[in-house]
Amino acid sequence: MQNPLLFIILLIVKCNAEFQFKCWAESCTKPNSLMQNVKVNFYPNPPVEGQKITGELDGTINKMQCPLPAGDVHFNYSTFLKTSSILPGNYSGTATITNQMNDEVVCLKGGCEITG
């Protein structure tokens, strides 16, 4: 599984230093999901054009599920933002990861308000 938090952030945020950003990310994981105690974070917040952005996801898998073993998990992913154009507005998205049985593993949502 790729880092879903960063995937959401990169889909909804294209950064330009001329704009101001109010960004957020949070878990929308259901109580009966396979991953519990979910914490999401990205930094820097707000993201900055031309700088590295890192997304992190921490949680606990309650049941043995292939390919994710039971126990604590930590995913992170970093990349450089190289975007040069953006339109001001409100951007948001949700990503739900499911297993082969269509059981929810984790749900994440995030967004940015971009003004300029």
PDB file of N, CA and C in Angstrom:
ATOM      1  N   MET A   1       0.848  -1.173   0.000  1.00  0.00           N
ATOM      2  CA  MET A   1       0.000   0.000   0.000  1.00  0.00           C
ATOM      3  C   MET A   1       0.894   1.236   0.000  1.00  0.00           C
ATOM      4  N   GLN A   2       0.696   2.150  -0.943  1.00  0.00           N
ATOM      5  CA  GLN A   2       1.404   3.420  -0.952  1.00  0.00           C
ATOM      6  C   GLN A   2       0.855   4.276   0.177  1.00  0.00           C
ATOM      7  N   ASN A   3       1.550   5.332   0.507  1.00  0.00           N
ATOM      8  CA  ASN A   3       1.080   6.207   1.569  1.00  0.00           C
ATOM      9  C   ASN A   3      -0.156   6.953   1.098  1.00  0.00           C
ATOM     10  N   PRO A   4      -1.356   6.594   1.577  1.00  0.00           N
ATOM     11  CA  PRO A   4      -2.578   7.238   1.097  1.00  0.00           C
ATOM     12  C   PRO A   4      -2.676   8.698   1.500  1.00  0.00           C
ATOM     13  N   LEU A   5      -2.094   9.078   2.638  1.00  0.00           N
ATOM     14  CA  LEU A   5      -2.150  10.474   3.056  1.00  0.00           C
ATOM     15  C   LEU A   5      -1.471  11.364   2.042  1.00  0.00           C
ATOM     16  N   LEU A   6      -0.255  11.017   1.642  1.00  0.00           N
ATOM     17  CA  LEU A   6       0.452  11.841   0.684  1.00  0.00           C
ATOM     18  C   LEU A   6      -0.265  11.846  -0.657  1.00  0.00           C
ATOM     19  N   PHE A   7      -0.850  10.717  -1.026  1.00  0.00           N
ATOM     20  CA  PHE A   7      -1.619  10.648  -2.264  1.00  0.00           C
ATOM     21  C   PHE A   7      -2.740  11.680  -2.250  1.00  0.00           C
ATOM     22  N   ILE A   8      -3.467  11.772  -1.131  1.00  0.00           N
ATOM     23  CA  ILE A   8      -4.541  12.757  -1.012  1.00  0.00           C
ATOM     24  C   ILE A   8      -3.975  14.162  -1.111  1.00  0.00           C
ATOM     25  N   ILE A   9      -2.911  14.421  -0.373  1.00  0.00           N
ATOM     26  CA  ILE A   9      -2.340  15.765  -0.354  1.00  0.00           C
ATOM     27  C   ILE A   9      -1.885  16.182  -1.746  1.00  0.00           C
ATOM     28  N   LEU A  10      -1.194  15.281  -2.448  1.00  0.00           N
ATOM     29  CA  LEU A  10      -0.696  15.625  -3.776  1.00  0.00           C
ATOM     30  C   LEU A  10      -1.824  15.801  -4.778  1.00  0.00           C
ATOM     31  N   LEU A  11      -2.941  15.109  -4.583  1.00  0.00           N
ATOM     32  CA  LEU A  11      -4.084  15.303  -5.473  1.00  0.00           C
ATOM     33  C   LEU A  11      -4.768  16.638  -5.254  1.00  0.00           C
ATOM     34  N   ILE A  12      -4.788  17.120  -4.014  1.00  0.00           N
ATOM     35  CA  ILE A  12      -5.574  18.313  -3.725  1.00  0.00           C
ATOM     36  C   ILE A  12      -4.755  19.575  -3.542  1.00  0.00           C
ATOM     37  N   VAL A  13      -3.428  19.460  -3.500  1.00  0.00           N
ATOM     38  CA  VAL A  13      -2.600  20.633  -3.262  1.00  0.00           C
ATOM     39  C   VAL A  13      -1.596  20.804  -4.392  1.00  0.00           C
ATOM     40  N   LYS A  14      -1.617  21.939  -5.048  1.00  0.00           N
ATOM     41  CA  LYS A  14      -0.566  22.345  -5.983  1.00  0.00           C
ATOM     42  C   LYS A  14      -0.109  23.698  -5.461  1.00  0.00           C
ATOM     43  N   CYS A  15       1.165  23.784  -5.112  1.00  0.00           N
ATOM     44  CA  CYS A  15       1.611  24.929  -4.328  1.00  0.00           C
ATOM     45  C   CYS A  15       2.336  25.979  -5.154  1.00  0.00           C
ATOM     46  N   ASN A  16       2.131  27.228  -4.798  1.00  0.00           N
ATOM     47  CA  ASN A  16       2.824  28.356  -5.377  1.00  0.00           C
ATOM     48  C   ASN A  16       3.050  29.345  -4.250  1.00  0.00           C
ATOM     49  N   ALA A  17       4.251  29.869  -4.126  1.00  0.00           N
ATOM     50  CA  ALA A  17       4.615  30.709  -2.988  1.00  0.00           C
ATOM     51  C   ALA A  17       3.784  31.985  -2.899  1.00  0.00           C
ATOM     52  N   GLU A  18       3.092  32.383  -3.965  1.00  0.00           N
ATOM     53  CA  GLU A  18       2.293  33.596  -3.953  1.00  0.00           C
ATOM     54  C   GLU A  18       0.960  33.399  -3.224  1.00  0.00           C
ATOM     55  N   PHE A  19       0.581  32.189  -2.933  1.00  0.00           N
ATOM     56  CA  PHE A  19      -0.706  31.893  -2.326  1.00  0.00           C
ATOM     57  C   PHE A  19      -0.547  31.563  -0.849  1.00  0.00           C
ATOM     58  N   GLN A  20      -1.648  31.687  -0.116  1.00  0.00           N
ATOM     59  CA  GLN A  20      -1.688  31.291   1.282  1.00  0.00           C
ATOM     60  C   GLN A  20      -2.512  30.019   1.399  1.00  0.00           C
ATOM     61  N   PHE A  21      -2.083  29.101   2.264  1.00  0.00           N
ATOM     62  CA  PHE A  21      -2.710  27.799   2.394  1.00  0.00           C
ATOM     63  C   PHE A  21      -3.149  27.550   3.825  1.00  0.00           C
ATOM     64  N   LYS A  22      -4.336  26.972   3.981  1.00  0.00           N
ATOM     65  CA  LYS A  22      -4.807  26.413   5.252  1.00  0.00           C
ATOM     66  C   LYS A  22      -5.121  24.963   4.939  1.00  0.00           C
ATOM     67  N   CYS A  23      -4.238  24.048   5.349  1.00  0.00           N
ATOM     68  CA  CYS A  23      -4.366  22.638   4.977  1.00  0.00           C
ATOM     69  C   CYS A  23      -4.639  21.778   6.204  1.00  0.00           C
ATOM     70  N   TRP A  24      -5.280  20.622   5.976  1.00  0.00           N
ATOM     71  CA  TRP A  24      -5.596  19.699   7.060  1.00  0.00           C
ATOM     72  C   TRP A  24      -5.644  18.274   6.504  1.00  0.00           C
ATOM     73  N   ALA A  25      -5.452  17.322   7.371  1.00  0.00           N
ATOM     74  CA  ALA A  25      -5.606  15.898   7.053  1.00  0.00           C
ATOM     75  C   ALA A  25      -6.029  15.192   8.328  1.00  0.00           C
ATOM     76  N   GLU A  26      -6.918  14.195   8.177  1.00  0.00           N
ATOM     77  CA  GLU A  26      -7.405  13.468   9.350  1.00  0.00           C
ATOM     78  C   GLU A  26      -7.883  12.079   8.953  1.00  0.00           C
ATOM     79  N   SER A  27      -8.077  11.255   9.947  1.00  0.00           N
ATOM     80  CA  SER A  27      -8.591   9.906   9.734  1.00  0.00           C
ATOM     81  C   SER A  27     -10.116   9.941   9.686  1.00  0.00           C
ATOM     82  N   CYS A  28     -10.693   9.165   8.770  1.00  0.00           N
ATOM     83  CA  CYS A  28     -12.148   8.952   8.735  1.00  0.00           C
ATOM     84  C   CYS A  28     -12.424   7.451   8.873  1.00  0.00           C
ATOM     85  N   THR A  29     -11.486   6.731   9.495  1.00  0.00           N
ATOM     86  CA  THR A  29     -11.550   5.294   9.664  1.00  0.00           C
ATOM     87  C   THR A  29     -12.702   4.908  10.588  1.00  0.00           C
ATOM     88  N   LYS A  30     -13.469   3.900  10.183  1.00  0.00           N
ATOM     89  CA  LYS A  30     -14.609   3.431  10.971  1.00  0.00           C
ATOM     90  C   LYS A  30     -14.123   2.614  12.169  1.00  0.00           C
ATOM     91  N   PRO A  31     -14.939   2.541  13.233  1.00  0.00           N
ATOM     92  CA  PRO A  31     -14.527   1.783  14.424  1.00  0.00           C
ATOM     93  C   PRO A  31     -14.243   0.304  14.156  1.00  0.00           C
ATOM     94  N   ASN A  32     -14.868  -0.294  13.141  1.00  0.00           N
ATOM     95  CA  ASN A  32     -14.657  -1.721  12.875  1.00  0.00           C
ATOM     96  C   ASN A  32     -13.634  -1.966  11.760  1.00  0.00           C
ATOM     97  N   SER A  33     -12.872  -0.937  11.348  1.00  0.00           N
ATOM     98  CA  SER A  33     -11.867  -1.101  10.301  1.00  0.00           C
ATOM     99  C   SER A  33     -10.700  -1.942  10.789  1.00  0.00           C
ATOM    100  N   LEU A  34      -9.943  -2.472   9.838  1.00  0.00           N
ATOM    101  CA  LEU A  34      -8.803  -3.327  10.182  1.00  0.00           C
ATOM    102  C   LEU A  34      -7.666  -2.543  10.832  1.00  0.00           C
ATOM    103  N   MET A  35      -7.530  -1.256  10.511  1.00  0.00           N
ATOM    104  CA  MET A  35      -6.513  -0.421  11.145  1.00  0.00           C
ATOM    105  C   MET A  35      -7.192   0.487  12.166  1.00  0.00           C
ATOM    106  N   GLN A  36      -6.620   0.567  13.348  1.00  0.00           N
ATOM    107  CA  GLN A  36      -7.140   1.397  14.426  1.00  0.00           C
ATOM    108  C   GLN A  36      -6.045   2.334  14.918  1.00  0.00           C
ATOM    109  N   ASN A  37      -6.410   3.258  15.791  1.00  0.00           N
ATOM    110  CA  ASN A  37      -5.468   4.233  16.361  1.00  0.00           C
ATOM    111  C   ASN A  37      -4.721   4.976  15.254  1.00  0.00           C
ATOM    112  N   VAL A  38      -5.465   5.382  14.222  1.00  0.00           N
ATOM    113  CA  VAL A  38      -4.872   6.001  13.038  1.00  0.00           C
ATOM    114  C   VAL A  38      -4.512   7.456  13.321  1.00  0.00           C
ATOM    115  N   LYS A  39      -3.274   7.817  12.957  1.00  0.00           N
ATOM    116  CA  LYS A  39      -2.806   9.190  13.054  1.00  0.00           C
ATOM    117  C   LYS A  39      -2.202   9.553  11.710  1.00  0.00           C
ATOM    118  N   VAL A  40      -2.562  10.719  11.197  1.00  0.00           N
ATOM    119  CA  VAL A  40      -2.033  11.185   9.922  1.00  0.00           C
ATOM    120  C   VAL A  40      -1.408  12.553  10.107  1.00  0.00           C
ATOM    121  N   ASN A  41      -0.370  12.830   9.321  1.00  0.00           N
ATOM    122  CA  ASN A  41       0.316  14.102   9.422  1.00  0.00           C
ATOM    123  C   ASN A  41       1.059  14.355   8.121  1.00  0.00           C
ATOM    124  N   PHE A  42       1.228  15.597   7.772  1.00  0.00           N
ATOM    125  CA  PHE A  42       2.130  15.953   6.694  1.00  0.00           C
ATOM    126  C   PHE A  42       2.840  17.240   7.062  1.00  0.00           C
ATOM    127  N   TYR A  43       4.033  17.375   6.563  1.00  0.00           N
ATOM    128  CA  TYR A  43       4.815  18.571   6.851  1.00  0.00           C
ATOM    129  C   TYR A  43       5.768  18.847   5.701  1.00  0.00           C
ATOM    130  N   PRO A  44       6.114  20.108   5.451  1.00  0.00           N
ATOM    131  CA  PRO A  44       5.632  21.258   6.222  1.00  0.00           C
ATOM    132  C   PRO A  44       4.165  21.525   5.927  1.00  0.00           C
ATOM    133  N   ASN A  45       3.521  22.166   6.857  1.00  0.00           N
ATOM    134  CA  ASN A  45       2.136  22.570   6.670  1.00  0.00           C
ATOM    135  C   ASN A  45       2.059  24.053   7.016  1.00  0.00           C
ATOM    136  N   PRO A  46       1.887  24.888   6.035  1.00  0.00           N
ATOM    137  CA  PRO A  46       1.466  24.573   4.668  1.00  0.00           C
ATOM    138  C   PRO A  46       2.634  24.115   3.796  1.00  0.00           C
ATOM    139  N   PRO A  47       2.311  23.332   2.758  1.00  0.00           N
ATOM    140  CA  PRO A  47       3.338  22.907   1.813  1.00  0.00           C
ATOM    141  C   PRO A  47       3.920  24.104   1.066  1.00  0.00           C
ATOM    142  N   VAL A  48       5.163  23.964   0.596  1.00  0.00           N
ATOM    143  CA  VAL A  48       5.854  25.053  -0.076  1.00  0.00           C
ATOM    144  C   VAL A  48       6.378  24.563  -1.422  1.00  0.00           C
ATOM    145  N   GLU A  49       6.097  25.320  -2.480  1.00  0.00           N
ATOM    146  CA  GLU A  49       6.574  25.001  -3.824  1.00  0.00           C
ATOM    147  C   GLU A  49       8.090  24.837  -3.817  1.00  0.00           C
ATOM    148  N   GLY A  50       8.568  23.748  -4.430  1.00  0.00           N
ATOM    149  CA  GLY A  50       9.994  23.507  -4.556  1.00  0.00           C
ATOM    150  C   GLY A  50      10.635  22.859  -3.344  1.00  0.00           C
ATOM    151  N   GLN A  51       9.886  22.667  -2.266  1.00  0.00           N
ATOM    152  CA  GLN A  51      10.422  22.014  -1.078  1.00  0.00           C
ATOM    153  C   GLN A  51       9.842  20.614  -0.951  1.00  0.00           C
ATOM    154  N   LYS A  52      10.494  19.809  -0.136  1.00  0.00           N
ATOM    155  CA  LYS A  52      10.029  18.446   0.101  1.00  0.00           C
ATOM    156  C   LYS A  52       8.798  18.467   0.994  1.00  0.00           C
ATOM    157  N   ILE A  53       7.816  17.620   0.662  1.00  0.00           N
ATOM    158  CA  ILE A  53       6.646  17.406   1.513  1.00  0.00           C
ATOM    159  C   ILE A  53       6.666  15.934   1.933  1.00  0.00           C
ATOM    160  N   THR A  54       6.378  15.693   3.195  1.00  0.00           N
ATOM    161  CA  THR A  54       6.373  14.337   3.728  1.00  0.00           C
ATOM    162  C   THR A  54       5.019  14.041   4.347  1.00  0.00           C
ATOM    163  N   GLY A  55       4.450  12.901   4.000  1.00  0.00           N
ATOM    164  CA  GLY A  55       3.205  12.429   4.591  1.00  0.00           C
ATOM    165  C   GLY A  55       3.489  11.218   5.470  1.00  0.00           C
ATOM    166  N   GLU A  56       2.814  11.139   6.599  1.00  0.00           N
ATOM    167  CA  GLU A  56       2.990  10.024   7.533  1.00  0.00           C
ATOM    168  C   GLU A  56       1.645   9.436   7.930  1.00  0.00           C
ATOM    169  N   LEU A  57       1.610   8.133   8.087  1.00  0.00           N
ATOM    170  CA  LEU A  57       0.435   7.403   8.537  1.00  0.00           C
ATOM    171  C   LEU A  57       0.891   6.390   9.571  1.00  0.00           C
ATOM    172  N   ASP A  58       0.316   6.451  10.757  1.00  0.00           N
ATOM    173  CA  ASP A  58       0.592   5.491  11.822  1.00  0.00           C
ATOM    174  C   ASP A  58      -0.720   4.861  12.259  1.00  0.00           C
ATOM    175  N   GLY A  59      -0.664   3.600  12.647  1.00  0.00           N
ATOM    176  CA  GLY A  59      -1.843   2.905  13.137  1.00  0.00           C
ATOM    177  C   GLY A  59      -1.500   1.506  13.579  1.00  0.00           C
ATOM    178  N   THR A  60      -2.514   0.756  13.945  1.00  0.00           N
ATOM    179  CA  THR A  60      -2.354  -0.624  14.392  1.00  0.00           C
ATOM    180  C   THR A  60      -3.305  -1.504  13.604  1.00  0.00           C
ATOM    181  N   ILE A  61      -2.773  -2.537  12.970  1.00  0.00           N
ATOM    182  CA  ILE A  61      -3.585  -3.529  12.274  1.00  0.00           C
ATOM    183  C   ILE A  61      -4.044  -4.541  13.325  1.00  0.00           C
ATOM    184  N   ASN A  62      -5.368  -4.740  13.483  1.00  0.00           N
ATOM    185  CA  ASN A  62      -5.910  -5.586  14.550  1.00  0.00           C
ATOM    186  C   ASN A  62      -5.894  -7.062  14.215  1.00  0.00           C
ATOM    187  N   LYS A  63      -5.984  -7.397  12.926  1.00  0.00           N
ATOM    188  CA  LYS A  63      -6.042  -8.797  12.518  1.00  0.00           C
ATOM    189  C   LYS A  63      -4.973  -9.052  11.476  1.00  0.00           C
ATOM    190  N   MET A  64      -4.504 -10.276  11.386  1.00  0.00           N
ATOM    191  CA  MET A  64      -3.514 -10.630  10.379  1.00  0.00           C
ATOM    192  C   MET A  64      -4.163 -10.537   9.011  1.00  0.00           C
ATOM    193  N   GLN A  65      -3.660  -9.675   8.161  1.00  0.00           N
ATOM    194  CA  GLN A  65      -4.198  -9.484   6.825  1.00  0.00           C
ATOM    195  C   GLN A  65      -3.040  -9.442   5.832  1.00  0.00           C
ATOM    196  N   CYS A  66      -3.084 -10.241   4.812  1.00  0.00           N
ATOM    197  CA  CYS A  66      -2.059 -10.242   3.789  1.00  0.00           C
ATOM    198  C   CYS A  66      -2.298  -9.055   2.860  1.00  0.00           C
ATOM    199  N   PRO A  67      -1.338  -8.238   2.517  1.00  0.00           N
ATOM    200  CA  PRO A  67       0.088  -8.356   2.836  1.00  0.00           C
ATOM    201  C   PRO A  67       0.497  -7.585   4.080  1.00  0.00           C
ATOM    202  N   LEU A  68      -0.456  -7.040   4.848  1.00  0.00           N
ATOM    203  CA  LEU A  68      -0.119  -6.279   6.048  1.00  0.00           C
ATOM    204  C   LEU A  68      -0.247  -7.151   7.280  1.00  0.00           C
ATOM    205  N   PRO A  69       0.858  -7.407   7.992  1.00  0.00           N
ATOM    206  CA  PRO A  69       0.779  -8.224   9.200  1.00  0.00           C
ATOM    207  C   PRO A  69       0.146  -7.452  10.359  1.00  0.00           C
ATOM    208  N   ALA A  70      -0.368  -8.175  11.337  1.00  0.00           N
ATOM    209  CA  ALA A  70      -0.948  -7.546  12.522  1.00  0.00           C
ATOM    210  C   ALA A  70       0.142  -6.800  13.274  1.00  0.00           C
ATOM    211  N   GLY A  71      -0.245  -5.735  13.965  1.00  0.00           N
ATOM    212  CA  GLY A  71       0.697  -4.963  14.770  1.00  0.00           C
ATOM    213  C   GLY A  71       0.759  -3.513  14.336  1.00  0.00           C
ATOM    214  N   ASP A  72       1.727  -2.793  14.911  1.00  0.00           N
ATOM    215  CA  ASP A  72       1.891  -1.375  14.607  1.00  0.00           C
ATOM    216  C   ASP A  72       2.470  -1.198  13.210  1.00  0.00           C
ATOM    217  N   VAL A  73       1.968  -0.189  12.509  1.00  0.00           N
ATOM    218  CA  VAL A  73       2.465   0.119  11.166  1.00  0.00           C
ATOM    219  C   VAL A  73       2.791   1.606  11.080  1.00  0.00           C
ATOM    220  N   HIS A  74       3.785   1.909  10.264  1.00  0.00           N
ATOM    221  CA  HIS A  74       4.179   3.289  10.002  1.00  0.00           C
ATOM    222  C   HIS A  74       4.530   3.385   8.526  1.00  0.00           C
ATOM    223  N   PHE A  75       3.833   4.258   7.821  1.00  0.00           N
ATOM    224  CA  PHE A  75       4.130   4.524   6.422  1.00  0.00           C
ATOM    225  C   PHE A  75       4.512   5.989   6.296  1.00  0.00           C
ATOM    226  N   ASN A  76       5.526   6.266   5.493  1.00  0.00           N
ATOM    227  CA  ASN A  76       5.807   7.657   5.154  1.00  0.00           C
ATOM    228  C   ASN A  76       6.318   7.713   3.730  1.00  0.00           C
ATOM    229  N   TYR A  77       6.138   8.878   3.149  1.00  0.00           N
ATOM    230  CA  TYR A  77       6.570   9.084   1.782  1.00  0.00           C
ATOM    231  C   TYR A  77       6.888  10.555   1.612  1.00  0.00           C
ATOM    232  N   SER A  78       8.001  10.844   0.965  1.00  0.00           N
ATOM    233  CA  SER A  78       8.399  12.227   0.718  1.00  0.00           C
ATOM    234  C   SER A  78       8.603  12.448  -0.768  1.00  0.00           C
ATOM    235  N   THR A  79       8.299  13.654  -1.203  1.00  0.00           N
ATOM    236  CA  THR A  79       8.536  14.050  -2.592  1.00  0.00           C
ATOM    237  C   THR A  79       8.677  15.559  -2.631  1.00  0.00           C
ATOM    238  N   PHE A  80       9.234  16.061  -3.721  1.00  0.00           N
ATOM    239  CA  PHE A  80       9.356  17.501  -3.912  1.00  0.00           C
ATOM    240  C   PHE A  80       8.168  18.006  -4.717  1.00  0.00           C
ATOM    241  N   LEU A  81       7.618  19.141  -4.318  1.00  0.00           N
ATOM    242  CA  LEU A  81       6.526  19.765  -5.052  1.00  0.00           C
ATOM    243  C   LEU A  81       7.123  20.661  -6.130  1.00  0.00           C
ATOM    244  N   LYS A  82       6.784  20.382  -7.375  1.00  0.00           N
ATOM    245  CA  LYS A  82       7.333  21.139  -8.498  1.00  0.00           C
ATOM    246  C   LYS A  82       6.208  21.678  -9.370  1.00  0.00           C
ATOM    247  N   THR A  83       5.224  22.259  -8.750  1.00  0.00           N
ATOM    248  CA  THR A  83       4.063  22.755  -9.472  1.00  0.00           C
ATOM    249  C   THR A  83       4.189  24.263  -9.634  1.00  0.00           C
ATOM    250  N   SER A  84       3.786  24.782 -10.774  1.00  0.00           N
ATOM    251  CA  SER A  84       3.950  26.219 -11.000  1.00  0.00           C
ATOM    252  C   SER A  84       2.640  26.964 -11.231  1.00  0.00           C
ATOM    253  N   SER A  85       1.513  26.275 -11.265  1.00  0.00           N
ATOM    254  CA  SER A  85       0.249  26.991 -11.467  1.00  0.00           C
ATOM    255  C   SER A  85      -0.829  26.414 -10.568  1.00  0.00           C
ATOM    256  N   ILE A  86      -1.712  27.292 -10.114  1.00  0.00           N
ATOM    257  CA  ILE A  86      -2.804  26.887  -9.226  1.00  0.00           C
ATOM    258  C   ILE A  86      -3.933  27.902  -9.309  1.00  0.00           C
ATOM    259  N   LEU A  87      -5.123  27.464  -9.082  1.00  0.00           N
ATOM    260  CA  LEU A  87      -6.268  28.356  -8.963  1.00  0.00           C
ATOM    261  C   LEU A  87      -6.690  28.398  -7.502  1.00  0.00           C
ATOM    262  N   PRO A  88      -6.943  29.589  -6.958  1.00  0.00           N
ATOM    263  CA  PRO A  88      -7.427  29.671  -5.583  1.00  0.00           C
ATOM    264  C   PRO A  88      -8.753  28.931  -5.441  1.00  0.00           C
ATOM    265  N   GLY A  89      -9.002  28.399  -4.268  1.00  0.00           N
ATOM    266  CA  GLY A  89     -10.254  27.705  -4.010  1.00  0.00           C
ATOM    267  C   GLY A  89     -10.117  26.738  -2.859  1.00  0.00           C
ATOM    268  N   ASN A  90     -11.180  25.977  -2.633  1.00  0.00           N
ATOM    269  CA  ASN A  90     -11.190  24.939  -1.604  1.00  0.00           C
ATOM    270  C   ASN A  90     -11.068  23.584  -2.280  1.00  0.00           C
ATOM    271  N   TYR A  91     -10.100  22.797  -1.850  1.00  0.00           N
ATOM    272  CA  TYR A  91      -9.850  21.479  -2.417  1.00  0.00           C
ATOM    273  C   TYR A  91      -9.902  20.457  -1.291  1.00  0.00           C
ATOM    274  N   SER A  92     -10.557  19.335  -1.531  1.00  0.00           N
ATOM    275  CA  SER A  92     -10.598  18.284  -0.515  1.00  0.00           C
ATOM    276  C   SER A  92     -10.743  16.935  -1.194  1.00  0.00           C
ATOM    277  N   GLY A  93     -10.403  15.893  -0.459  1.00  0.00           N
ATOM    278  CA  GLY A  93     -10.515  14.547  -0.999  1.00  0.00           C
ATOM    279  C   GLY A  93     -10.543  13.521   0.105  1.00  0.00           C
ATOM    280  N   THR A  94     -11.011  12.333  -0.236  1.00  0.00           N
ATOM    281  CA  THR A  94     -11.083  11.209   0.688  1.00  0.00           C
ATOM    282  C   THR A  94     -10.542   9.973  -0.007  1.00  0.00           C
ATOM    283  N   ALA A  95      -9.751   9.193   0.711  1.00  0.00           N
ATOM    284  CA  ALA A  95      -9.246   7.924   0.179  1.00  0.00           C
ATOM    285  C   ALA A  95      -9.586   6.820   1.168  1.00  0.00           C
ATOM    286  N   THR A  96     -10.234   5.772   0.687  1.00  0.00           N
ATOM    287  CA  THR A  96     -10.541   4.606   1.507  1.00  0.00           C
ATOM    288  C   THR A  96      -9.788   3.416   0.925  1.00  0.00           C
ATOM    289  N   ILE A  97      -8.973   2.782   1.743  1.00  0.00           N
ATOM    290  CA  ILE A  97      -8.216   1.601   1.343  1.00  0.00           C
ATOM    291  C   ILE A  97      -8.978   0.377   1.838  1.00  0.00           C
ATOM    292  N   THR A  98      -9.249  -0.585   0.945  1.00  0.00           N
ATOM    293  CA  THR A  98      -9.935  -1.825   1.313  1.00  0.00           C
ATOM    294  C   THR A  98      -9.058  -3.020   0.965  1.00  0.00           C
ATOM    295  N   ASN A  99      -9.346  -4.150   1.597  1.00  0.00           N
ATOM    296  CA  ASN A  99      -8.625  -5.376   1.265  1.00  0.00           C
ATOM    297  C   ASN A  99      -9.378  -6.133   0.170  1.00  0.00           C
ATOM    298  N   GLN A 100      -8.898  -7.321  -0.167  1.00  0.00           N
ATOM    299  CA  GLN A 100      -9.496  -8.116  -1.242  1.00  0.00           C
ATOM    300  C   GLN A 100     -10.916  -8.580  -0.918  1.00  0.00           C
ATOM    301  N   MET A 101     -11.298  -8.549   0.353  1.00  0.00           N
ATOM    302  CA  MET A 101     -12.662  -8.921   0.759  1.00  0.00           C
ATOM    303  C   MET A 101     -13.570  -7.687   0.862  1.00  0.00           C
ATOM    304  N   ASN A 102     -13.061  -6.526   0.438  1.00  0.00           N
ATOM    305  CA  ASN A 102     -13.774  -5.258   0.474  1.00  0.00           C
ATOM    306  C   ASN A 102     -14.004  -4.745   1.899  1.00  0.00           C
ATOM    307  N   ASP A 103     -13.189  -5.209   2.852  1.00  0.00           N
ATOM    308  CA  ASP A 103     -13.231  -4.690   4.217  1.00  0.00           C
ATOM    309  C   ASP A 103     -12.360  -3.439   4.274  1.00  0.00           C
ATOM    310  N   GLU A 104     -12.846  -2.403   4.963  1.00  0.00           N
ATOM    311  CA  GLU A 104     -12.058  -1.184   5.084  1.00  0.00           C
ATOM    312  C   GLU A 104     -10.810  -1.426   5.916  1.00  0.00           C
ATOM    313  N   VAL A 105      -9.661  -1.019   5.386  1.00  0.00           N
ATOM    314  CA  VAL A 105      -8.410  -1.040   6.138  1.00  0.00           C
ATOM    315  C   VAL A 105      -8.239   0.304   6.829  1.00  0.00           C
ATOM    316  N   VAL A 106      -8.332   1.393   6.059  1.00  0.00           N
ATOM    317  CA  VAL A 106      -8.166   2.730   6.614  1.00  0.00           C
ATOM    318  C   VAL A 106      -8.836   3.739   5.686  1.00  0.00           C
ATOM    319  N   CYS A 107      -9.278   4.846   6.266  1.00  0.00           N
ATOM    320  CA  CYS A 107      -9.880   5.936   5.502  1.00  0.00           C
ATOM    321  C   CYS A 107      -9.193   7.232   5.931  1.00  0.00           C
ATOM    322  N   LEU A 108      -8.812   8.035   4.951  1.00  0.00           N
ATOM    323  CA  LEU A 108      -8.151   9.304   5.212  1.00  0.00           C
ATOM    324  C   LEU A 108      -8.814  10.399   4.399  1.00  0.00           C
ATOM    325  N   LYS A 109      -8.861  11.602   4.961  1.00  0.00           N
ATOM    326  CA  LYS A 109      -9.375  12.731   4.193  1.00  0.00           C
ATOM    327  C   LYS A 109      -8.528  13.958   4.511  1.00  0.00           C
ATOM    328  N   GLY A 110      -8.534  14.880   3.573  1.00  0.00           N
ATOM    329  CA  GLY A 110      -7.747  16.085   3.760  1.00  0.00           C
ATOM    330  C   GLY A 110      -8.155  17.150   2.771  1.00  0.00           C
ATOM    331  N   GLY A 111      -7.603  18.324   2.945  1.00  0.00           N
ATOM    332  CA  GLY A 111      -7.928  19.403   2.035  1.00  0.00           C
ATOM    333  C   GLY A 111      -7.111  20.642   2.300  1.00  0.00           C
ATOM    334  N   CYS A 112      -7.278  21.613   1.417  1.00  0.00           N
ATOM    335  CA  CYS A 112      -6.624  22.913   1.546  1.00  0.00           C
ATOM    336  C   CYS A 112      -7.554  24.009   1.071  1.00  0.00           C
ATOM    337  N   GLU A 113      -7.511  25.113   1.773  1.00  0.00           N
ATOM    338  CA  GLU A 113      -8.132  26.350   1.308  1.00  0.00           C
ATOM    339  C   GLU A 113      -6.991  27.211   0.788  1.00  0.00           C
ATOM    340  N   ILE A 114      -7.060  27.560  -0.474  1.00  0.00           N
ATOM    341  CA  ILE A 114      -5.973  28.306  -1.118  1.00  0.00           C
ATOM    342  C   ILE A 114      -6.508  29.676  -1.506  1.00  0.00           C
ATOM    343  N   THR A 115      -5.855  30.710  -0.969  1.00  0.00           N
ATOM    344  CA  THR A 115      -6.244  32.072  -1.280  1.00  0.00           C
ATOM    345  C   THR A 115      -5.058  32.813  -1.862  1.00  0.00           C
ATOM    346  N   GLY A 116      -5.329  33.794  -2.660  1.00  0.00           N
ATOM    347  CA  GLY A 116      -4.219  34.554  -3.238  1.00  0.00           C
ATOM    348  C   GLY A 116      -4.693  35.620  -4.164  1.00  0.00           C
TER     349      GLY A 116
END
